Amino acid sequence: MPDAQKMNGFCEDVIDMVDHIRQEIAVVDFWPAGKHKIINWIINEVDDLDLIPFEKRGKVADPFTDLAKAIQTWLVAS
């Protein structure tokens, strides 16, 4: 189990990622053309921040992007 400092850092990184995604998807007509852009950004960001094990990095982008699309109205409004 990660220590409190590492967990806090992880949470801050994820919050920063959500903020970035919120800005990206706020653009009118972002979907579907922007989906690949955001998937690539998520993979690169997760890699740069070393948030999850290497073998799982590619698997996290699609569900994260699907979630962002599903809750886009809420994300952009908040």
PDB file of N, CA and C in Angstrom:
ATOM      1  N   MET A   1       0.850  -1.175   0.000  1.00  0.00           N
ATOM      2  CA  MET A   1       0.000   0.000   0.000  1.00  0.00           C
ATOM      3  C   MET A   1       0.898   1.242   0.000  1.00  0.00           C
ATOM      4  N   PRO A   2       0.571   2.229  -0.866  1.00  0.00           N
ATOM      5  CA  PRO A   2       1.393   3.439  -0.917  1.00  0.00           C
ATOM      6  C   PRO A   2       1.257   4.269   0.354  1.00  0.00           C
ATOM      7  N   ASP A   3       2.313   5.020   0.640  1.00  0.00           N
ATOM      8  CA  ASP A   3       2.252   5.880   1.818  1.00  0.00           C
ATOM      9  C   ASP A   3       1.391   7.113   1.521  1.00  0.00           C
ATOM     10  N   ALA A   4       1.079   7.866   2.560  1.00  0.00           N
ATOM     11  CA  ALA A   4       0.166   9.011   2.439  1.00  0.00           C
ATOM     12  C   ALA A   4       0.696  10.060   1.465  1.00  0.00           C
ATOM     13  N   GLN A   5       1.989  10.313   1.491  1.00  0.00           N
ATOM     14  CA  GLN A   5       2.569  11.327   0.611  1.00  0.00           C
ATOM     15  C   GLN A   5       2.432  10.912  -0.862  1.00  0.00           C
ATOM     16  N   LYS A   6       2.707   9.647  -1.147  1.00  0.00           N
ATOM     17  CA  LYS A   6       2.586   9.161  -2.518  1.00  0.00           C
ATOM     18  C   LYS A   6       1.125   9.187  -2.968  1.00  0.00           C
ATOM     19  N   MET A   7       0.215   8.806  -2.088  1.00  0.00           N
ATOM     20  CA  MET A   7      -1.209   8.816  -2.426  1.00  0.00           C
ATOM     21  C   MET A   7      -1.698  10.241  -2.676  1.00  0.00           C
ATOM     22  N   ASN A   8      -1.253  11.195  -1.866  1.00  0.00           N
ATOM     23  CA  ASN A   8      -1.627  12.595  -2.083  1.00  0.00           C
ATOM     24  C   ASN A   8      -1.128  13.083  -3.437  1.00  0.00           C
ATOM     25  N   GLY A   9       0.103  12.730  -3.777  1.00  0.00           N
ATOM     26  CA  GLY A   9       0.659  13.110  -5.075  1.00  0.00           C
ATOM     27  C   GLY A   9      -0.133  12.504  -6.220  1.00  0.00           C
ATOM     28  N   PHE A  10      -0.499  11.234  -6.078  1.00  0.00           N
ATOM     29  CA  PHE A  10      -1.304  10.547  -7.089  1.00  0.00           C
ATOM     30  C   PHE A  10      -2.637  11.273  -7.277  1.00  0.00           C
ATOM     31  N   CYS A  11      -3.301  11.592  -6.179  1.00  0.00           N
ATOM     32  CA  CYS A  11      -4.600  12.279  -6.239  1.00  0.00           C
ATOM     33  C   CYS A  11      -4.472  13.644  -6.901  1.00  0.00           C
ATOM     34  N   GLU A  12      -3.435  14.382  -6.575  1.00  0.00           N
ATOM     35  CA  GLU A  12      -3.214  15.694  -7.188  1.00  0.00           C
ATOM     36  C   GLU A  12      -2.994  15.559  -8.693  1.00  0.00           C
ATOM     37  N   ASP A  13      -2.227  14.550  -9.095  1.00  0.00           N
ATOM     38  CA  ASP A  13      -1.983  14.327 -10.523  1.00  0.00           C
ATOM     39  C   ASP A  13      -3.277  13.988 -11.255  1.00  0.00           C
ATOM     40  N   VAL A  14      -4.106  13.148 -10.666  1.00  0.00           N
ATOM     41  CA  VAL A  14      -5.374  12.773 -11.298  1.00  0.00           C
ATOM     42  C   VAL A  14      -6.300  13.988 -11.389  1.00  0.00           C
ATOM     43  N   ILE A  15      -6.338  14.808 -10.366  1.00  0.00           N
ATOM     44  CA  ILE A  15      -7.154  16.031 -10.400  1.00  0.00           C
ATOM     45  C   ILE A  15      -6.683  16.948 -11.521  1.00  0.00           C
ATOM     46  N   ASP A  16      -5.368  17.091 -11.677  1.00  0.00           N
ATOM     47  CA  ASP A  16      -4.824  17.909 -12.763  1.00  0.00           C
ATOM     48  C   ASP A  16      -5.220  17.339 -14.125  1.00  0.00           C
ATOM     49  N   MET A  17      -5.200  16.009 -14.246  1.00  0.00           N
ATOM     50  CA  MET A  17      -5.597  15.375 -15.505  1.00  0.00           C
ATOM     51  C   MET A  17      -7.071  15.641 -15.803  1.00  0.00           C
ATOM     52  N   VAL A  18      -7.917  15.514 -14.799  1.00  0.00           N
ATOM     53  CA  VAL A  18      -9.351  15.766 -14.990  1.00  0.00           C
ATOM     54  C   VAL A  18      -9.579  17.220 -15.392  1.00  0.00           C
ATOM     55  N   ASP A  19      -8.861  18.150 -14.780  1.00  0.00           N
ATOM     56  CA  ASP A  19      -8.992  19.561 -15.150  1.00  0.00           C
ATOM     57  C   ASP A  19      -8.615  19.785 -16.614  1.00  0.00           C
ATOM     58  N   HIS A  20      -7.537  19.146 -17.046  1.00  0.00           N
ATOM     59  CA  HIS A  20      -7.112  19.279 -18.443  1.00  0.00           C
ATOM     60  C   HIS A  20      -8.169  18.695 -19.380  1.00  0.00           C
ATOM     61  N   ILE A  21      -8.666  17.514 -19.045  1.00  0.00           N
ATOM     62  CA  ILE A  21      -9.689  16.871 -19.871  1.00  0.00           C
ATOM     63  C   ILE A  21     -10.945  17.731 -19.913  1.00  0.00           C
ATOM     64  N   ARG A  22     -11.314  18.318 -18.805  1.00  0.00           N
ATOM     65  CA  ARG A  22     -12.488  19.200 -18.743  1.00  0.00           C
ATOM     66  C   ARG A  22     -12.335  20.348 -19.742  1.00  0.00           C
ATOM     67  N   GLN A  23     -11.161  20.949 -19.795  1.00  0.00           N
ATOM     68  CA  GLN A  23     -10.918  22.050 -20.727  1.00  0.00           C
ATOM     69  C   GLN A  23     -10.997  21.578 -22.174  1.00  0.00           C
ATOM     70  N   GLU A  24     -10.422  20.425 -22.442  1.00  0.00           N
ATOM     71  CA  GLU A  24     -10.419  19.892 -23.808  1.00  0.00           C
ATOM     72  C   GLU A  24     -11.837  19.598 -24.298  1.00  0.00           C
ATOM     73  N   ILE A  25     -12.635  18.917 -23.482  1.00  0.00           N
ATOM     74  CA  ILE A  25     -13.958  18.490 -23.938  1.00  0.00           C
ATOM     75  C   ILE A  25     -14.986  19.620 -23.920  1.00  0.00           C
ATOM     76  N   ALA A  26     -14.624  20.768 -23.372  1.00  0.00           N
ATOM     77  CA  ALA A  26     -15.528  21.918 -23.377  1.00  0.00           C
ATOM     78  C   ALA A  26     -15.625  22.551 -24.763  1.00  0.00           C
ATOM     79  N   VAL A  27     -14.697  22.208 -25.637  1.00  0.00           N
ATOM     80  CA  VAL A  27     -14.701  22.746 -26.992  1.00  0.00           C
ATOM     81  C   VAL A  27     -15.924  22.202 -27.738  1.00  0.00           C
ATOM     82  N   VAL A  28     -16.628  23.085 -28.421  1.00  0.00           N
ATOM     83  CA  VAL A  28     -17.805  22.681 -29.187  1.00  0.00           C
ATOM     84  C   VAL A  28     -17.400  21.638 -30.227  1.00  0.00           C
ATOM     85  N   ASP A  29     -18.191  20.592 -30.345  1.00  0.00           N
ATOM     86  CA  ASP A  29     -17.959  19.496 -31.295  1.00  0.00           C
ATOM     87  C   ASP A  29     -16.631  18.775 -31.065  1.00  0.00           C
ATOM     88  N   PHE A  30     -16.223  18.660 -29.810  1.00  0.00           N
ATOM     89  CA  PHE A  30     -14.976  17.950 -29.490  1.00  0.00           C
ATOM     90  C   PHE A  30     -15.032  16.496 -29.940  1.00  0.00           C
ATOM     91  N   TRP A  31     -16.172  15.835 -29.676  1.00  0.00           N
ATOM     92  CA  TRP A  31     -16.323  14.415 -30.024  1.00  0.00           C
ATOM     93  C   TRP A  31     -16.799  14.299 -31.458  1.00  0.00           C
ATOM     94  N   PRO A  32     -16.471  13.271 -32.200  1.00  0.00           N
ATOM     95  CA  PRO A  32     -15.546  12.185 -31.915  1.00  0.00           C
ATOM     96  C   PRO A  32     -14.110  12.477 -32.320  1.00  0.00           C
ATOM     97  N   ALA A  33     -13.907  13.550 -33.101  1.00  0.00           N
ATOM     98  CA  ALA A  33     -12.560  13.816 -33.621  1.00  0.00           C
ATOM     99  C   ALA A  33     -11.518  13.981 -32.516  1.00  0.00           C
ATOM    100  N   GLY A  34     -11.898  14.561 -31.402  1.00  0.00           N
ATOM    101  CA  GLY A  34     -10.951  14.809 -30.324  1.00  0.00           C
ATOM    102  C   GLY A  34     -10.639  13.602 -29.465  1.00  0.00           C
ATOM    103  N   LYS A  35     -11.392  12.525 -29.648  1.00  0.00           N
ATOM    104  CA  LYS A  35     -11.202  11.345 -28.791  1.00  0.00           C
ATOM    105  C   LYS A  35      -9.776  10.810 -28.875  1.00  0.00           C
ATOM    106  N   HIS A  36      -9.246  10.676 -30.073  1.00  0.00           N
ATOM    107  CA  HIS A  36      -7.891  10.132 -30.218  1.00  0.00           C
ATOM    108  C   HIS A  36      -6.848  11.072 -29.614  1.00  0.00           C
ATOM    109  N   LYS A  37      -7.089  12.358 -29.744  1.00  0.00           N
ATOM    110  CA  LYS A  37      -6.172  13.338 -29.153  1.00  0.00           C
ATOM    111  C   LYS A  37      -6.121  13.169 -27.637  1.00  0.00           C
ATOM    112  N   ILE A  38      -7.269  13.037 -27.009  1.00  0.00           N
ATOM    113  CA  ILE A  38      -7.312  12.929 -25.550  1.00  0.00           C
ATOM    114  C   ILE A  38      -6.793  11.572 -25.084  1.00  0.00           C
ATOM    115  N   ILE A  39      -7.051  10.514 -25.856  1.00  0.00           N
ATOM    116  CA  ILE A  39      -6.503   9.197 -25.503  1.00  0.00           C
ATOM    117  C   ILE A  39      -4.985   9.249 -25.509  1.00  0.00           C
ATOM    118  N   ASN A  40      -4.407   9.814 -26.555  1.00  0.00           N
ATOM    119  CA  ASN A  40      -2.944   9.925 -26.623  1.00  0.00           C
ATOM    120  C   ASN A  40      -2.402  10.781 -25.492  1.00  0.00           C
ATOM    121  N   TRP A  41      -3.107  11.864 -25.177  1.00  0.00           N
ATOM    122  CA  TRP A  41      -2.650  12.726 -24.085  1.00  0.00           C
ATOM    123  C   TRP A  41      -2.678  11.968 -22.760  1.00  0.00           C
ATOM    124  N   ILE A  42      -3.745  11.213 -22.506  1.00  0.00           N
ATOM    125  CA  ILE A  42      -3.851  10.450 -21.258  1.00  0.00           C
ATOM    126  C   ILE A  42      -2.712   9.441 -21.155  1.00  0.00           C
ATOM    127  N   ILE A  43      -2.469   8.695 -22.227  1.00  0.00           N
ATOM    128  CA  ILE A  43      -1.386   7.704 -22.202  1.00  0.00           C
ATOM    129  C   ILE A  43      -0.052   8.374 -21.913  1.00  0.00           C
ATOM    130  N   ASN A  44       0.227   9.477 -22.579  1.00  0.00           N
ATOM    131  CA  ASN A  44       1.494  10.189 -22.354  1.00  0.00           C
ATOM    132  C   ASN A  44       1.587  10.748 -20.943  1.00  0.00           C
ATOM    133  N   GLU A  45       0.494  11.299 -20.450  1.00  0.00           N
ATOM    134  CA  GLU A  45       0.496  11.892 -19.111  1.00  0.00           C
ATOM    135  C   GLU A  45       0.696  10.818 -18.041  1.00  0.00           C
ATOM    136  N   VAL A  46      -0.011   9.710 -18.174  1.00  0.00           N
ATOM    137  CA  VAL A  46       0.133   8.608 -17.215  1.00  0.00           C
ATOM    138  C   VAL A  46       1.564   8.076 -17.248  1.00  0.00           C
ATOM    139  N   ASP A  47       2.138   8.025 -18.446  1.00  0.00           N
ATOM    140  CA  ASP A  47       3.522   7.568 -18.593  1.00  0.00           C
ATOM    141  C   ASP A  47       4.491   8.568 -17.964  1.00  0.00           C
ATOM    142  N   ASP A  48       4.340   9.843 -18.304  1.00  0.00           N
ATOM    143  CA  ASP A  48       5.239  10.876 -17.768  1.00  0.00           C
ATOM    144  C   ASP A  48       5.194  10.944 -16.248  1.00  0.00           C
ATOM    145  N   LEU A  49       4.001  10.787 -15.682  1.00  0.00           N
ATOM    146  CA  LEU A  49       3.841  10.879 -14.229  1.00  0.00           C
ATOM    147  C   LEU A  49       4.088   9.549 -13.525  1.00  0.00           C
ATOM    148  N   ASP A  50       4.238   8.486 -14.309  1.00  0.00           N
ATOM    149  CA  ASP A  50       4.476   7.141 -13.767  1.00  0.00           C
ATOM    150  C   ASP A  50       3.398   6.781 -12.738  1.00  0.00           C
ATOM    151  N   LEU A  51       2.136   6.994 -13.134  1.00  0.00           N
ATOM    152  CA  LEU A  51       1.018   6.792 -12.212  1.00  0.00           C
ATOM    153  C   LEU A  51       0.639   5.333 -12.011  1.00  0.00           C
ATOM    154  N   ILE A  52       0.754   4.545 -13.066  1.00  0.00           N
ATOM    155  CA  ILE A  52       0.378   3.133 -12.971  1.00  0.00           C
ATOM    156  C   ILE A  52       1.445   2.288 -13.659  1.00  0.00           C
ATOM    157  N   PRO A  53       1.461   0.984 -13.382  1.00  0.00           N
ATOM    158  CA  PRO A  53       2.459   0.115 -14.009  1.00  0.00           C
ATOM    159  C   PRO A  53       2.396   0.190 -15.537  1.00  0.00           C
ATOM    160  N   PHE A  54       3.542   0.057 -16.160  1.00  0.00           N
ATOM    161  CA  PHE A  54       3.679   0.201 -17.606  1.00  0.00           C
ATOM    162  C   PHE A  54       2.674  -0.644 -18.383  1.00  0.00           C
ATOM    163  N   GLU A  55       2.505  -1.892 -17.992  1.00  0.00           N
ATOM    164  CA  GLU A  55       1.652  -2.807 -18.753  1.00  0.00           C
ATOM    165  C   GLU A  55       0.171  -2.432 -18.707  1.00  0.00           C
ATOM    166  N   LYS A  56      -0.218  -1.545 -17.824  1.00  0.00           N
ATOM    167  CA  LYS A  56      -1.626  -1.141 -17.706  1.00  0.00           C
ATOM    168  C   LYS A  56      -1.899   0.238 -18.303  1.00  0.00           C
ATOM    169  N   ARG A  57      -0.882   0.923 -18.751  1.00  0.00           N
ATOM    170  CA  ARG A  57      -1.039   2.309 -19.201  1.00  0.00           C
ATOM    171  C   ARG A  57      -1.955   2.455 -20.403  1.00  0.00           C
ATOM    172  N   GLY A  58      -1.816   1.568 -21.371  1.00  0.00           N
ATOM    173  CA  GLY A  58      -2.668   1.651 -22.551  1.00  0.00           C
ATOM    174  C   GLY A  58      -4.114   1.303 -22.270  1.00  0.00           C
ATOM    175  N   LYS A  59      -4.346   0.513 -21.248  1.00  0.00           N
ATOM    176  CA  LYS A  59      -5.700   0.052 -20.930  1.00  0.00           C
ATOM    177  C   LYS A  59      -6.522   1.101 -20.189  1.00  0.00           C
ATOM    178  N   VAL A  60      -5.898   2.099 -19.622  1.00  0.00           N
ATOM    179  CA  VAL A  60      -6.620   3.079 -18.811  1.00  0.00           C
ATOM    180  C   VAL A  60      -7.217   4.209 -19.663  1.00  0.00           C
ATOM    181  N   ALA A  61      -6.635   4.489 -20.812  1.00  0.00           N
ATOM    182  CA  ALA A  61      -7.053   5.650 -21.594  1.00  0.00           C
ATOM    183  C   ALA A  61      -8.470   5.516 -22.149  1.00  0.00           C
ATOM    184  N   ASP A  62      -8.811   4.373 -22.722  1.00  0.00           N
ATOM    185  CA  ASP A  62     -10.149   4.217 -23.310  1.00  0.00           C
ATOM    186  C   ASP A  62     -11.264   4.351 -22.278  1.00  0.00           C
ATOM    187  N   PRO A  63     -11.209   3.624 -21.152  1.00  0.00           N
ATOM    188  CA  PRO A  63     -12.286   3.785 -20.159  1.00  0.00           C
ATOM    189  C   PRO A  63     -12.349   5.201 -19.578  1.00  0.00           C
ATOM    190  N   PHE A  64     -11.194   5.826 -19.373  1.00  0.00           N
ATOM    191  CA  PHE A  64     -11.154   7.184 -18.838  1.00  0.00           C
ATOM    192  C   PHE A  64     -11.818   8.146 -19.823  1.00  0.00           C
ATOM    193  N   THR A  65     -11.540   7.963 -21.115  1.00  0.00           N
ATOM    194  CA  THR A  65     -12.136   8.806 -22.147  1.00  0.00           C
ATOM    195  C   THR A  65     -13.636   8.548 -22.265  1.00  0.00           C
ATOM    196  N   ASP A  66     -14.037   7.280 -22.212  1.00  0.00           N
ATOM    197  CA  ASP A  66     -15.466   6.951 -22.257  1.00  0.00           C
ATOM    198  C   ASP A  66     -16.211   7.574 -21.077  1.00  0.00           C
ATOM    199  N   LEU A  67     -15.600   7.552 -19.913  1.00  0.00           N
ATOM    200  CA  LEU A  67     -16.205   8.174 -18.736  1.00  0.00           C
ATOM    201  C   LEU A  67     -16.334   9.680 -18.938  1.00  0.00           C
ATOM    202  N   ALA A  68     -15.288  10.310 -19.463  1.00  0.00           N
ATOM    203  CA  ALA A  68     -15.333  11.755 -19.706  1.00  0.00           C
ATOM    204  C   ALA A  68     -16.465  12.105 -20.663  1.00  0.00           C
ATOM    205  N   LYS A  69     -16.651  11.286 -21.689  1.00  0.00           N
ATOM    206  CA  LYS A  69     -17.734  11.551 -22.642  1.00  0.00           C
ATOM    207  C   LYS A  69     -19.092  11.372 -21.973  1.00  0.00           C
ATOM    208  N   ALA A  70     -19.218  10.336 -21.166  1.00  0.00           N
ATOM    209  CA  ALA A  70     -20.495  10.050 -20.505  1.00  0.00           C
ATOM    210  C   ALA A  70     -20.904  11.147 -19.527  1.00  0.00           C
ATOM    211  N   ILE A  71     -19.938  11.768 -18.881  1.00  0.00           N
ATOM    212  CA  ILE A  71     -20.261  12.801 -17.887  1.00  0.00           C
ATOM    213  C   ILE A  71     -19.808  14.185 -18.345  1.00  0.00           C
ATOM    214  N   GLN A  72     -19.698  14.370 -19.651  1.00  0.00           N
ATOM    215  CA  GLN A  72     -19.212  15.630 -20.207  1.00  0.00           C
ATOM    216  C   GLN A  72     -20.003  16.833 -19.708  1.00  0.00           C
ATOM    217  N   THR A  73     -21.312  16.748 -19.734  1.00  0.00           N
ATOM    218  CA  THR A  73     -22.136  17.885 -19.314  1.00  0.00           C
ATOM    219  C   THR A  73     -21.812  18.279 -17.882  1.00  0.00           C
ATOM    220  N   TRP A  74     -21.695  17.307 -17.010  1.00  0.00           N
ATOM    221  CA  TRP A  74     -21.381  17.577 -15.608  1.00  0.00           C
ATOM    222  C   TRP A  74     -19.963  18.125 -15.462  1.00  0.00           C
ATOM    223  N   LEU A  75     -18.993  17.520 -16.163  1.00  0.00           N
ATOM    224  CA  LEU A  75     -17.606  17.972 -16.053  1.00  0.00           C
ATOM    225  C   LEU A  75     -17.446  19.418 -16.500  1.00  0.00           C
ATOM    226  N   VAL A  76     -18.044  19.742 -17.624  1.00  0.00           N
ATOM    227  CA  VAL A  76     -17.887  21.083 -18.182  1.00  0.00           C
ATOM    228  C   VAL A  76     -18.617  22.116 -17.332  1.00  0.00           C
ATOM    229  N   ALA A  77     -19.732  21.730 -16.738  1.00  0.00           N
ATOM    230  CA  ALA A  77     -20.511  22.662 -15.915  1.00  0.00           C
ATOM    231  C   ALA A  77     -19.883  22.906 -14.550  1.00  0.00           C
ATOM    232  N   SER A  78     -19.058  21.973 -14.078  1.00  0.00           N
ATOM    233  CA  SER A  78     -18.515  22.121 -12.718  1.00  0.00           C
ATOM    234  C   SER A  78     -17.257  22.950 -12.688  1.00  0.00           C
TER     235      SER A  78
END
